[in-house]
C-alpha atoms as a PDB file:
ATOM      1  CA  MET A   1       8.457  17.373  16.765  1.00  0.00           C
ATOM      2  CA  ALA A   2       6.022  14.562  17.091  1.00  0.00           C
ATOM      3  CA  SER A   3       6.224  10.902  18.112  1.00  0.00           C
ATOM      4  CA  ALA A   4       4.173   8.009  16.862  1.00  0.00           C
ATOM      5  CA  ARG A   5       2.382   6.549  19.770  1.00  0.00           C
ATOM      6  CA  ALA A   6       1.739   2.967  19.635  1.00  0.00           C
ATOM      7  CA  THR A   7      -1.355   1.024  20.886  1.00  0.00           C
ATOM      8  CA  SER A   8      -0.869  -2.694  20.607  1.00  0.00           C
ATOM      9  CA  ALA A   9      -1.771  -5.950  22.169  1.00  0.00           C
ATOM     10  CA  PRO A  10       0.942  -8.154  23.501  1.00  0.00           C
ATOM     11  CA  GLU A  11       0.765 -10.509  20.627  1.00  0.00           C
ATOM     12  CA  ASP A  12       1.514  -7.774  18.205  1.00  0.00           C
ATOM     13  CA  ALA A  13       5.079  -7.841  19.510  1.00  0.00           C
ATOM     14  CA  MET A  14       5.385 -11.157  17.973  1.00  0.00           C
ATOM     15  CA  ILE A  15       4.705  -9.855  14.398  1.00  0.00           C
ATOM     16  CA  GLU A  16       7.858  -9.266  12.414  1.00  0.00           C
ATOM     17  CA  LEU A  17       8.433  -5.672  11.346  1.00  0.00           C
ATOM     18  CA  ALA A  18       8.914  -4.861   7.717  1.00  0.00           C
ATOM     19  CA  TYR A  19       9.479  -1.123   8.517  1.00  0.00           C
ATOM     20  CA  ASP A  20      11.267  -0.127  11.621  1.00  0.00           C
ATOM     21  CA  ILE A  21      11.660   3.681  11.250  1.00  0.00           C
ATOM     22  CA  GLN A  22      13.459   5.773  13.888  1.00  0.00           C
ATOM     23  CA  HIS A  23      12.776   9.143  12.037  1.00  0.00           C
ATOM     24  CA  LEU A  24      10.558  10.057   9.147  1.00  0.00           C
ATOM     25  CA  ASN A  25       9.410  13.344   7.545  1.00  0.00           C
ATOM     26  CA  THR A  26       6.216  12.860   5.601  1.00  0.00           C
ATOM     27  CA  CYS A  27       7.283  15.614   3.043  1.00  0.00           C
ATOM     28  CA  GLN A  28      10.263  17.743   2.234  1.00  0.00           C
ATOM     29  CA  PRO A  29      10.605  20.318   5.265  1.00  0.00           C
ATOM     30  CA  THR A  30       9.126  23.704   4.436  1.00  0.00           C
ATOM     31  CA  ALA A  31       7.552  26.542   6.346  1.00  0.00           C
ATOM     32  CA  GLY A  32       4.150  24.979   5.833  1.00  0.00           C
ATOM     33  CA  CYS A  33       4.930  21.154   5.781  1.00  0.00           C
ATOM     34  CA  HIS A  34       7.031  19.687   8.509  1.00  0.00           C
ATOM     35  CA  GLN A  35       5.699  16.606  10.110  1.00  0.00           C
ATOM     36  CA  PRO A  36       8.441  14.404  11.666  1.00  0.00           C
ATOM     37  CA  CYS A  37       7.628  11.049  13.244  1.00  0.00           C
ATOM     38  CA  HIS A  38       9.698   8.799  15.525  1.00  0.00           C
ATOM     39  CA  GLY A  39       9.176   5.230  16.221  1.00  0.00           C
ATOM     40  CA  LEU A  40       6.922   4.401  13.233  1.00  0.00           C
ATOM     41  CA  ARG A  41       6.390   0.662  13.027  1.00  0.00           C
ATOM     42  CA  ILE A  42       4.724  -1.295  10.050  1.00  0.00           C
ATOM     43  CA  PRO A  43       4.345  -5.124  10.421  1.00  0.00           C
ATOM     44  CA  ALA A  44       5.308  -7.494   7.688  1.00  0.00           C
ATOM     45  CA  ASN A  45       2.852  -9.666   5.909  1.00  0.00           C
ATOM     46  CA  ARG A  46      -0.012  -7.421   7.079  1.00  0.00           C
ATOM     47  CA  LEU A  47      -2.198  -4.896   5.696  1.00  0.00           C
ATOM     48  CA  THR A  48      -1.461  -1.363   7.049  1.00  0.00           C
ATOM     49  CA  LEU A  49      -3.930   1.538   6.432  1.00  0.00           C
ATOM     50  CA  ILE A  50      -2.833   5.266   6.605  1.00  0.00           C
ATOM     51  CA  THR A  51      -5.456   7.789   7.288  1.00  0.00           C
ATOM     52  CA  SER A  52      -5.285  11.563   7.513  1.00  0.00           C
ATOM     53  CA  PRO A  53      -7.651  14.612   7.419  1.00  0.00           C
ATOM     54  CA  ASN A  54      -5.406  15.689   4.431  1.00  0.00           C
ATOM     55  CA  SER A  55      -4.979  13.168   1.782  1.00  0.00           C
ATOM     56  CA  GLN A  56      -1.870  14.789   0.525  1.00  0.00           C
ATOM     57  CA  HIS A  57      -0.088  14.093   3.891  1.00  0.00           C
ATOM     58  CA  SER A  58      -0.948  10.421   3.831  1.00  0.00           C
ATOM     59  CA  SER A  59       0.178  10.324   0.204  1.00  0.00           C
ATOM     60  CA  ALA A  60       3.424  12.106   1.123  1.00  0.00           C
ATOM     61  CA  MET A  61       4.009   9.563   3.870  1.00  0.00           C
ATOM     62  CA  LEU A  62       3.542   6.642   1.383  1.00  0.00           C
ATOM     63  CA  GLY A  63       5.909   8.357  -1.032  1.00  0.00           C
ATOM     64  CA  THR A  64       8.576   8.842   1.616  1.00  0.00           C
ATOM     65  CA  LEU A  65       8.301   5.051   2.692  1.00  0.00           C
ATOM     66  CA  THR A  66       9.844   4.219  -0.701  1.00  0.00           C
ATOM     67  CA  GLY A  67      13.065   5.667   0.663  1.00  0.00           C
ATOM     68  CA  GLY A  68      13.493   8.079  -2.391  1.00  0.00           C
ATOM     69  CA  GLN A  69      12.345  11.437  -0.989  1.00  0.00           C
ATOM     70  CA  GLY A  70      11.938  13.295   2.131  1.00  0.00           C
ATOM     71  CA  GLN A  71      14.090  12.643   5.229  1.00  0.00           C
ATOM     72  CA  LEU A  72      14.025   9.164   6.677  1.00  0.00           C
ATOM     73  CA  CYS A  73      16.190   6.943   8.933  1.00  0.00           C
ATOM     74  CA  GLY A  74      15.214   3.401   9.337  1.00  0.00           C
ATOM     75  CA  GLN A  75      15.158  -0.128   8.145  1.00  0.00           C
ATOM     76  CA  LEU A  76      13.171  -2.419   5.768  1.00  0.00           C
ATOM     77  CA  PHE A  77      13.406  -6.202   6.683  1.00  0.00           C
ATOM     78  CA  GLY A  78      16.351  -5.418   8.932  1.00  0.00           C
ATOM     79  CA  GLN A  79      18.355  -3.650   6.273  1.00  0.00           C
ATOM     80  CA  PRO A  80      18.950   0.128   5.653  1.00  0.00           C
ATOM     81  CA  LEU A  81      15.899   1.417   3.729  1.00  0.00           C
ATOM     82  CA  SER A  82      18.103   3.031   1.101  1.00  0.00           C
ATOM     83  CA  HIS A  83      19.292  -0.624   0.271  1.00  0.00           C
ATOM     84  CA  GLY A  84      15.832  -2.099  -0.001  1.00  0.00           C
ATOM     85  CA  GLN A  85      14.180  -0.118  -2.762  1.00  0.00           C
ATOM     86  CA  VAL A  86      14.198  -3.080  -5.029  1.00  0.00           C
ATOM     87  CA  ALA A  87      11.783  -4.762  -2.647  1.00  0.00           C
ATOM     88  CA  ILE A  88       9.220  -2.007  -2.946  1.00  0.00           C
ATOM     89  CA  ALA A  89       6.581  -1.245  -5.612  1.00  0.00           C
ATOM     90  CA  HIS A  90       4.666   1.977  -5.277  1.00  0.00           C
ATOM     91  CA  LEU A  91       1.366   2.589  -6.933  1.00  0.00           C
ATOM     92  CA  GLY A  92       0.435   6.170  -7.160  1.00  0.00           C
ATOM     93  CA  ALA A  93      -3.091   7.446  -6.908  1.00  0.00           C
ATOM     94  CA  HIS A  94      -3.137   8.627 -10.442  1.00  0.00           C
ATOM     95  CA  ALA A  95      -1.406   5.715 -12.354  1.00  0.00           C
ATOM     96  CA  THR A  96      -1.934   5.720 -16.086  1.00  0.00           C
ATOM     97  CA  THR A  97      -2.427   2.657 -18.441  1.00  0.00           C
ATOM     98  CA  PRO A  98      -1.402   2.482 -22.132  1.00  0.00           C
ATOM     99  CA  SER A  99      -4.682   2.433 -24.024  1.00  0.00           C
ATOM    100  CA  ARG A 100      -3.839  -0.110 -26.791  1.00  0.00           C
ATOM    101  CA  LEU A 101      -2.491  -2.890 -24.619  1.00  0.00           C
ATOM    102  CA  ARG A 102      -4.745  -5.831 -23.663  1.00  0.00           C
ATOM    103  CA  LEU A 103      -5.324  -6.036 -19.904  1.00  0.00           C
ATOM    104  CA  GLY A 104      -3.487  -9.406 -19.585  1.00  0.00           C
ATOM    105  CA  ASP A 105      -0.398  -8.062 -21.389  1.00  0.00           C
ATOM    106  CA  PHE A 106      -0.333  -4.965 -19.270  1.00  0.00           C
ATOM    107  CA  VAL A 107      -0.371  -7.067 -16.043  1.00  0.00           C
ATOM    108  CA  MET A 108       2.393  -9.279 -17.542  1.00  0.00           C
ATOM    109  CA  GLN A 109       4.688  -6.245 -17.671  1.00  0.00           C
ATOM    110  CA  ALA A 110       5.156  -6.578 -14.015  1.00  0.00           C
ATOM    111  CA  ARG A 111       6.791  -9.974 -14.577  1.00  0.00           C
ATOM    112  CA  ARG A 112       9.034  -8.939 -17.399  1.00  0.00           C
ATOM    113  CA  ARG A 113      10.492  -5.535 -16.345  1.00  0.00           C
ATOM    114  CA  GLN A 114      13.933  -6.956 -15.866  1.00  0.00           C
ATOM    115  CA  HIS A 115      13.997  -9.327 -18.773  1.00  0.00           C
ATOM    116  CA  TRP A 116      12.009  -7.843 -21.560  1.00  0.00           C
ATOM    117  CA  LEU A 117      13.213 -10.306 -24.332  1.00  0.00           C
ATOM    118  CA  ALA A 118      12.579 -13.499 -22.308  1.00  0.00           C
ATOM    119  CA  ARG A 119       9.460 -15.385 -22.747  1.00  0.00           C
ATOM    120  CA  PRO A 120       7.170 -15.543 -19.683  1.00  0.00           C
ATOM    121  CA  HIS A 121       7.364 -18.784 -17.754  1.00  0.00           C
ATOM    122  CA  ALA A 122       4.487 -20.893 -16.176  1.00  0.00           C
ATOM    123  CA  ILE A 123       4.986 -19.083 -12.813  1.00  0.00           C
ATOM    124  CA  ASP A 124       4.593 -15.670 -14.529  1.00  0.00           C
ATOM    125  CA  HIS A 125       1.395 -16.737 -16.126  1.00  0.00           C
ATOM    126  CA  GLU A 126       0.148 -17.997 -12.828  1.00  0.00           C
ATOM    127  CA  ALA A 127       0.973 -14.819 -11.041  1.00  0.00           C
ATOM    128  CA  VAL A 128      -0.881 -12.781 -13.725  1.00  0.00           C
ATOM    129  CA  SER A 129      -3.872 -15.133 -13.487  1.00  0.00           C
ATOM    130  CA  GLN A 130      -3.996 -14.987  -9.799  1.00  0.00           C
ATOM    131  CA  ALA A 131      -3.947 -11.134  -9.615  1.00  0.00           C
ATOM    132  CA  LEU A 132      -6.755 -10.856 -12.157  1.00  0.00           C
ATOM    133  CA  HIS A 133      -8.679 -13.574 -10.355  1.00  0.00           C
ATOM    134  CA  THR A 134      -8.190 -11.859  -6.896  1.00  0.00           C
ATOM    135  CA  LEU A 135      -9.641  -8.568  -8.258  1.00  0.00           C
ATOM    136  CA  GLY A 136     -12.498 -10.166 -10.217  1.00  0.00           C
ATOM    137  CA  ILE A 137     -11.397  -9.071 -13.685  1.00  0.00           C
ATOM    138  CA  SER A 138     -10.174 -12.256 -15.228  1.00  0.00           C
ATOM    139  CA  GLU A 139     -12.956 -12.159 -17.934  1.00  0.00           C
ATOM    140  CA  LEU A 140     -11.395  -8.798 -19.132  1.00  0.00           C
ATOM    141  CA  ALA A 141      -7.872 -10.181 -19.664  1.00  0.00           C
ATOM    142  CA  GLN A 142      -8.190  -9.902 -23.568  1.00  0.00           C
ATOM    143  CA  HIS A 143      -9.902  -6.554 -23.520  1.00  0.00           C
ATOM    144  CA  LYS A 144      -7.804  -3.634 -24.567  1.00  0.00           C
ATOM    145  CA  LEU A 145      -7.531  -1.113 -21.815  1.00  0.00           C
ATOM    146  CA  HIS A 146      -9.058   1.833 -23.629  1.00  0.00           C
ATOM    147  CA  THR A 147     -12.285  -0.090 -23.683  1.00  0.00           C
ATOM    148  CA  LEU A 148     -12.415  -0.472 -19.938  1.00  0.00           C
ATOM    149  CA  SER A 149     -14.082   1.883 -17.434  1.00  0.00           C
ATOM    150  CA  ALA A 150     -11.888   4.211 -15.428  1.00  0.00           C
ATOM    151  CA  ALA A 151     -12.530   1.974 -12.192  1.00  0.00           C
ATOM    152  CA  GLN A 152     -11.625  -1.148 -14.282  1.00  0.00           C
ATOM    153  CA  ARG A 153      -8.309   0.534 -15.398  1.00  0.00           C
ATOM    154  CA  GLN A 154      -7.613   1.355 -11.749  1.00  0.00           C
ATOM    155  CA  LEU A 155      -7.967  -2.294 -11.029  1.00  0.00           C
ATOM    156  CA  ALA A 156      -5.714  -3.025 -13.920  1.00  0.00           C
ATOM    157  CA  CYS A 157      -2.963  -0.958 -12.262  1.00  0.00           C
ATOM    158  CA  LEU A 158      -3.544  -2.692  -8.963  1.00  0.00           C
ATOM    159  CA  ALA A 159      -3.420  -6.110 -10.597  1.00  0.00           C
ATOM    160  CA  GLN A 160      -0.063  -5.272 -12.187  1.00  0.00           C
ATOM    161  CA  ALA A 161       1.270  -4.437  -8.783  1.00  0.00           C
ATOM    162  CA  LEU A 162      -0.001  -7.586  -7.150  1.00  0.00           C
ATOM    163  CA  ALA A 163       1.510  -9.612 -10.056  1.00  0.00           C
ATOM    164  CA  GLY A 164       4.996  -8.183  -9.612  1.00  0.00           C
ATOM    165  CA  HIS A 165       7.846  -9.447  -7.478  1.00  0.00           C
ATOM    166  CA  ALA A 166       8.111  -6.914  -4.799  1.00  0.00           C
ATOM    167  CA  PRO A 167       7.361  -8.121  -1.318  1.00  0.00           C
ATOM    168  CA  VAL A 168       6.246  -4.671  -0.265  1.00  0.00           C
ATOM    169  CA  LEU A 169       3.454  -2.815  -1.988  1.00  0.00           C
ATOM    170  CA  LEU A 170       2.650   0.820  -1.295  1.00  0.00           C
ATOM    171  CA  LEU A 171      -0.848   1.705  -2.707  1.00  0.00           C
ATOM    172  CA  ASP A 172      -2.071   5.190  -2.786  1.00  0.00           C
ATOM    173  CA  GLU A 173      -5.872   5.214  -2.975  1.00  0.00           C
ATOM    174  CA  PRO A 174      -6.097   1.996  -4.850  1.00  0.00           C
ATOM    175  CA  ALA A 175      -9.939   2.171  -4.952  1.00  0.00           C
ATOM    176  CA  SER A 176     -10.878   5.752  -5.097  1.00  0.00           C
ATOM    177  CA  LEU A 177     -13.063   5.329  -8.093  1.00  0.00           C
ATOM    178  CA  HIS A 178     -15.154   2.529  -6.579  1.00  0.00           C
ATOM    179  CA  PRO A 179     -18.262   2.705  -4.356  1.00  0.00           C
ATOM    180  CA  PRO A 180     -17.847   2.211  -0.619  1.00  0.00           C
ATOM    181  CA  ALA A 181     -19.143  -1.491  -0.756  1.00  0.00           C
ATOM    182  CA  SER A 182     -16.398  -2.261  -3.605  1.00  0.00           C
ATOM    183  CA  ARG A 183     -13.778  -0.474  -1.504  1.00  0.00           C
ATOM    184  CA  SER A 184     -14.650  -2.591   1.480  1.00  0.00           C
ATOM    185  CA  ALA A 185     -14.548  -5.834  -0.586  1.00  0.00           C
ATOM    186  CA  LEU A 186     -11.112  -4.819  -2.147  1.00  0.00           C
ATOM    187  CA  LEU A 187      -9.676  -4.158   1.274  1.00  0.00           C
ATOM    188  CA  ARG A 188     -10.808  -7.614   2.406  1.00  0.00           C
ATOM    189  CA  LYS A 189      -9.053  -9.270  -0.611  1.00  0.00           C
ATOM    190  CA  LEU A 190      -5.801  -7.272   0.016  1.00  0.00           C
ATOM    191  CA  ALA A 191      -5.867  -8.282   3.729  1.00  0.00           C
ATOM    192  CA  ALA A 192      -6.094 -11.932   2.582  1.00  0.00           C
ATOM    193  CA  GLN A 193      -3.198 -11.295   0.173  1.00  0.00           C
ATOM    194  CA  ALA A 194      -1.067  -9.832   2.864  1.00  0.00           C
ATOM    195  CA  LEU A 195      -1.466 -12.846   5.184  1.00  0.00           C
ATOM    196  CA  ARG A 196      -0.092 -14.974   2.299  1.00  0.00           C
ATOM    197  CA  GLY A 197       3.279 -13.056   2.405  1.00  0.00           C
ATOM    198  CA  ARG A 198       2.954  -9.487   1.162  1.00  0.00           C
ATOM    199  CA  THR A 199       3.391  -6.348   3.237  1.00  0.00           C
ATOM    200  CA  LEU A 200       0.733  -4.018   2.062  1.00  0.00           C
ATOM    201  CA  VAL A 201       0.506  -0.395   2.999  1.00  0.00           C
ATOM    202  CA  CYS A 202      -2.184   1.848   1.522  1.00  0.00           C
ATOM    203  CA  THR A 203      -4.106   5.056   1.857  1.00  0.00           C
ATOM    204  CA  LEU A 204      -7.953   5.009   1.416  1.00  0.00           C
ATOM    205  CA  GLN A 205     -10.586   7.773   1.339  1.00  0.00           C
ATOM    206  CA  ASP A 206     -13.055   5.656   3.296  1.00  0.00           C
ATOM    207  CA  SER A 207     -11.115   4.887   6.399  1.00  0.00           C
ATOM    208  CA  GLN A 208     -14.099   3.247   8.118  1.00  0.00           C
ATOM    209  CA  ALA A 209     -14.457   0.666   5.419  1.00  0.00           C
ATOM    210  CA  GLY A 210     -10.564  -0.010   5.649  1.00  0.00           C
ATOM    211  CA  GLN A 211     -10.544  -0.328   9.319  1.00  0.00           C
ATOM    212  CA  GLN A 212     -12.902  -3.358   9.244  1.00  0.00           C
ATOM    213  CA  HIS A 213     -10.186  -5.305   7.307  1.00  0.00           C
ATOM    214  CA  ALA A 214      -6.676  -3.633   8.027  1.00  0.00           C
ATOM    215  CA  HIS A 215      -4.451  -5.270  10.495  1.00  0.00           C
ATOM    216  CA  TRP A 216      -2.591  -2.168  11.522  1.00  0.00           C
ATOM    217  CA  LEU A 217      -3.649   1.425  11.304  1.00  0.00           C
ATOM    218  CA  ILE A 218      -1.672   4.685  11.242  1.00  0.00           C
ATOM    219  CA  ARG A 219      -3.582   7.908  11.791  1.00  0.00           C
ATOM    220  CA  LEU A 220      -2.063  11.187  10.894  1.00  0.00           C
ATOM    221  CA  HIS A 221      -3.607  14.031  12.939  1.00  0.00           C
ATOM    222  CA  ALA A 222      -3.897  17.695  11.744  1.00  0.00           C
ATOM    223  CA  ASP A 223      -1.622  18.865  14.550  1.00  0.00           C
ATOM    224  CA  GLY A 224       1.243  16.570  13.276  1.00  0.00           C
ATOM    225  CA  HIS A 225       1.138  13.679  15.809  1.00  0.00           C
ATOM    226  CA  ILE A 226       0.647  10.155  14.712  1.00  0.00           C
ATOM    227  CA  VAL A 227      -1.154   7.283  16.406  1.00  0.00           C
ATOM    228  CA  GLN A 228      -0.538   3.599  15.377  1.00  0.00           C
ATOM    229  CA  GLY A 229      -1.810   0.197  16.330  1.00  0.00           C
ATOM    230  CA  PRO A 230      -4.406  -2.478  15.695  1.00  0.00           C
ATOM    231  CA  PRO A 231      -7.637  -0.757  14.435  1.00  0.00           C
ATOM    232  CA  ALA A 232      -9.828  -2.297  17.100  1.00  0.00           C
ATOM    233  CA  LEU A 233      -7.618  -1.024  19.992  1.00  0.00           C
ATOM    234  CA  LEU A 234      -7.333   2.450  18.433  1.00  0.00           C
ATOM    235  CA  HIS A 235     -11.103   2.521  18.202  1.00  0.00           C
ATOM    236  CA  THR A 236     -11.456   1.485  21.787  1.00  0.00           C
ATOM    237  CA  ALA A 237      -8.969   4.048  22.881  1.00  0.00           C
ATOM    238  CA  ALA A 238     -10.787   6.761  20.929  1.00  0.00           C
ATOM    239  CA  LEU A 239     -14.118   5.859  22.680  1.00  0.00           C
ATOM    240  CA  ALA A 240     -12.427   5.804  26.075  1.00  0.00           C
ATOM    241  CA  ALA A 241     -10.961   9.252  25.421  1.00  0.00           C
END
């Protein structure tokens, strides 16, 4: 049974915790997959990056943080996690897009899921416009999704998540179809979004690019133990070891 070891500076204690988890299994316990974690902490309004030698394990942890699978005991914003699922949006690594919708209409769906018959308000249009602008795809708003490249459709799914109401976004490999430079630029934009009031947790293939911009890092090791803390301090600790 493994514990999450925290490496943090004193000022990090002042960051409000979004997730405060006493016990977490990153997947359903089986003979070949049993990675419990105690003491996992994820700060609110920050960008947290999850890395692992096995991408399936980091994806499983992200899925478990939704509170809908695995074994988990903890809190989200001070409330039992099972009560906070409406606050969470989970974007899977292989999200699909309806081919005939225009990009702008697809992103607007995030604003209308609870009231399909209601007309969008100005705040809804602003949220969609901001999400498209953040990801640099505003000029594609009137394009139908089937005319876009796979990488652009991946950004469309991310834009939809950003435009939604959920204060917590769990993003599984949100830039896997993009080159390293683009992944780094995307992480920088997501970090800025987080500081404006969104709690973002994501997995990413290129952990080095992510560590330049993430505020908190969770490393899942092959032997099952987990290390967490600010990326700079974890890097320093690794060099010292």
